[in-house]
């Protein structure tokens, strides 16, 4: 019985990771279009899915423990699916579990690559924003920040970008 619960948990993990991958693809397009509102919605959905993954991972650990008890082993929370396949002797069960594991690892790898691309897009966007602000406001004046401010000839100190006398 615990083996079927493990298969169900692994299937659910695969489905959630597939959904995360689809959201990451959508996020890439949203970042390119610079649609901040839709990006916020995607991030909210991703956060919910990540919480579900955490719950499913705890469930996976519990189910593996139950499976180990059924087989006469001492439960250990550090046992992975790879470790578990070494004590499964039914060929069909082993193939099913290894197939789900391989699918999950492949999806996680693709998701990691896509997230790195999205991170680069965000960094480029931030660089463009910084560049645009520098064009609009001007580069920051390091002399004011790191040196004692100088007094102007009429005795008024200039404290920032805007003239406070206006």
Protein backbone atom coordinates (compact mmCIF):
# COMPACT_ATOMS: atom_id res chain seq x y z
CA UNK A 1 0.00 0.00 0.00
CA UNK A 2 2.81 2.45 0.82
CA UNK A 3 4.33 1.86 -2.61
CA UNK A 4 1.14 3.03 -4.35
CA UNK A 5 1.09 6.11 -2.11
CA UNK A 6 4.70 6.79 -3.13
CA UNK A 7 3.80 6.48 -6.81
CA UNK A 8 0.90 8.91 -6.29
CA UNK A 9 3.16 11.37 -4.46
CA UNK A 10 5.83 11.21 -7.17
CA UNK A 11 3.16 11.69 -9.85
CA UNK A 12 1.82 14.74 -8.01
CA UNK A 13 5.37 16.14 -7.70
CA UNK A 14 5.84 15.67 -11.45
CA UNK A 15 2.56 17.44 -12.23
CA UNK A 16 3.41 20.42 -10.03
CA UNK A 17 6.90 20.73 -11.50
CA UNK A 18 5.41 20.57 -15.00
CA UNK A 19 3.06 23.41 -14.03
CA UNK A 20 6.00 25.39 -12.65
CA UNK A 21 7.81 24.88 -15.95
CA UNK A 22 4.79 26.16 -17.88
CA UNK A 23 4.64 29.20 -15.59
CA UNK A 24 8.36 29.80 -16.12
CA UNK A 25 7.80 29.77 -19.90
CA UNK A 26 4.96 32.24 -19.47
CA UNK A 27 7.11 34.34 -17.15
CA UNK A 28 9.78 34.57 -19.86
CA UNK A 29 7.25 36.02 -22.29
CA UNK A 30 5.88 38.38 -19.63
CA UNK A 31 9.39 39.62 -18.83
CA UNK A 32 10.05 40.27 -22.50
CA UNK A 33 6.77 42.24 -22.78
CA UNK A 34 7.49 44.00 -19.46
CA UNK A 35 4.01 43.20 -18.10
CA UNK A 36 4.50 43.78 -14.38
CA UNK A 37 0.90 43.00 -13.39
CA UNK A 38 0.91 39.58 -15.02
CA UNK A 39 4.39 38.92 -13.61
CA UNK A 40 3.02 39.51 -10.11
CA UNK A 41 0.21 37.03 -10.75
CA UNK A 42 2.68 34.41 -11.98
CA UNK A 43 4.93 34.85 -8.95
CA UNK A 44 1.91 34.42 -6.65
CA UNK A 45 0.98 31.17 -8.41
CA UNK A 46 4.58 29.97 -8.22
CA UNK A 47 4.71 30.63 -4.47
CA UNK A 48 1.57 28.52 -3.94
CA UNK A 49 3.04 25.68 -6.00
CA UNK A 50 6.34 25.81 -4.10
CA UNK A 51 4.40 25.43 -0.84
CA UNK A 52 2.61 22.41 -2.31
CA UNK A 53 5.97 20.92 -3.30
CA UNK A 54 7.16 21.28 0.28
CA UNK A 55 4.07 19.48 1.54
CA UNK A 56 4.44 16.71 -1.05
CA UNK A 57 8.09 16.29 -0.18
CA UNK A 58 7.19 15.81 3.49
CA UNK A 59 4.55 13.33 2.36
CA UNK A 60 7.14 11.52 0.22
CA UNK A 61 9.43 11.15 3.23
CA UNK A 62 6.56 9.75 5.32
CA UNK A 63 5.52 7.30 2.61
CA UNK A 64 9.10 6.10 2.15
CA UNK A 65 9.27 5.53 5.90
CA UNK A 66 6.05 3.51 5.79
CA UNK A 67 7.36 1.50 2.85
CA UNK A 68 10.59 0.74 4.70
CA UNK A 69 8.60 -0.42 7.75
CA UNK A 70 6.48 -2.69 5.51
CA UNK A 71 9.67 -4.23 4.12
CA UNK A 72 11.12 -4.72 7.60
CA UNK A 73 13.66 -1.90 7.53
CA UNK A 74 14.12 0.91 10.02
CA UNK A 75 12.62 4.17 8.68
CA UNK A 76 15.18 6.83 7.83
CA UNK A 77 14.20 10.32 6.58
CA UNK A 78 17.44 10.53 4.57
CA UNK A 79 16.53 7.62 2.30
CA UNK A 80 16.05 8.84 -1.26
CA UNK A 81 14.06 7.35 -4.10
CA UNK A 82 17.34 6.09 -5.60
CA UNK A 83 18.15 4.30 -2.36
CA UNK A 84 14.66 2.85 -2.29
CA UNK A 85 14.98 1.31 -5.75
CA UNK A 86 17.78 -0.89 -4.43
CA UNK A 87 15.38 -2.77 -2.15
CA UNK A 88 12.50 -3.06 -4.63
CA UNK A 89 12.66 -6.43 -6.31
CA UNK A 90 9.51 -6.24 -8.45
CA UNK A 91 10.76 -5.20 -11.89
CA UNK A 92 7.55 -3.36 -12.85
CA UNK A 93 7.49 -1.39 -9.60
CA UNK A 94 11.16 -0.52 -9.96
CA UNK A 95 10.66 0.64 -13.58
CA UNK A 96 7.64 2.75 -12.61
CA UNK A 97 9.48 4.45 -9.77
CA UNK A 98 12.65 5.01 -11.79
CA UNK A 99 10.58 6.42 -14.66
CA UNK A 100 8.86 8.92 -12.37
CA UNK A 101 12.19 9.86 -10.82
CA UNK A 102 13.81 10.36 -14.23
CA UNK A 103 10.87 12.48 -15.40
CA UNK A 104 11.02 14.62 -12.25
CA UNK A 105 14.77 15.13 -12.49
CA UNK A 106 14.47 16.12 -16.17
CA UNK A 107 11.73 18.63 -15.43
CA UNK A 108 13.73 20.11 -12.55
CA UNK A 109 16.79 20.46 -14.81
CA UNK A 110 14.77 22.22 -17.53
CA UNK A 111 13.11 24.41 -14.92
CA UNK A 112 16.49 25.39 -13.46
CA UNK A 113 17.78 26.38 -16.92
CA UNK A 114 14.68 28.41 -17.70
CA UNK A 115 14.83 30.14 -14.32
CA UNK A 116 18.45 31.12 -15.01
CA UNK A 117 17.36 32.63 -18.32
CA UNK A 118 14.54 34.51 -16.58
CA UNK A 119 17.01 35.78 -13.99
CA UNK A 120 19.22 37.12 -16.79
CA UNK A 121 16.21 38.86 -18.35
CA UNK A 122 15.41 40.50 -15.01
CA UNK A 123 19.02 41.60 -14.57
CA UNK A 124 19.04 43.11 -18.08
CA UNK A 125 15.80 44.89 -17.33
CA UNK A 126 17.22 46.32 -14.12
CA UNK A 127 20.37 47.43 -15.95
CA UNK A 128 18.22 49.20 -18.52
CA UNK A 129 16.24 50.91 -15.76
CA UNK A 130 19.47 52.07 -14.08
CA UNK A 131 20.77 53.34 -17.41
CA UNK A 132 17.51 55.19 -18.10
CA UNK A 133 17.56 56.79 -14.66
CA UNK A 134 21.15 57.89 -15.17
CA UNK A 135 20.16 59.52 -18.46
CA UNK A 136 17.22 61.28 -16.84
CA UNK A 137 18.74 62.33 -13.53
CA UNK A 138 22.42 62.10 -14.30
CA UNK A 139 25.02 59.80 -12.80
CA UNK A 140 25.36 59.91 -9.03
CA UNK A 141 27.80 62.53 -7.82
CA UNK A 142 30.28 60.53 -5.77
CA UNK A 143 32.03 63.66 -4.52
CA UNK A 144 29.02 64.61 -2.39
CA UNK A 145 28.78 61.18 -0.81
CA UNK A 146 32.42 60.47 -0.02
CA UNK A 147 33.89 63.91 0.67
CA UNK A 148 33.10 66.77 2.96
CA UNK A 149 30.54 68.94 1.15
CA UNK A 150 32.00 72.21 -0.12
CA UNK A 151 30.42 75.54 0.55
CA UNK A 152 29.36 77.55 -2.47
CA UNK A 153 30.46 81.17 -2.84
CA UNK A 154 27.20 82.58 -1.43
CA UNK A 155 27.32 80.35 1.66
CA UNK A 156 24.39 78.03 0.80
CA UNK A 157 25.02 74.31 0.86
CA UNK A 158 23.68 72.11 -1.89
CA UNK A 159 22.39 68.95 -0.22
CA UNK A 160 21.03 66.88 -3.06
CA UNK A 161 19.63 66.85 -6.56
CA UNK A 162 16.90 69.37 -5.88
CA UNK A 163 17.47 72.95 -4.77
CA UNK A 164 15.58 73.41 -1.49
CA UNK A 165 15.46 77.21 -1.86
CA UNK A 166 12.68 77.04 -4.43
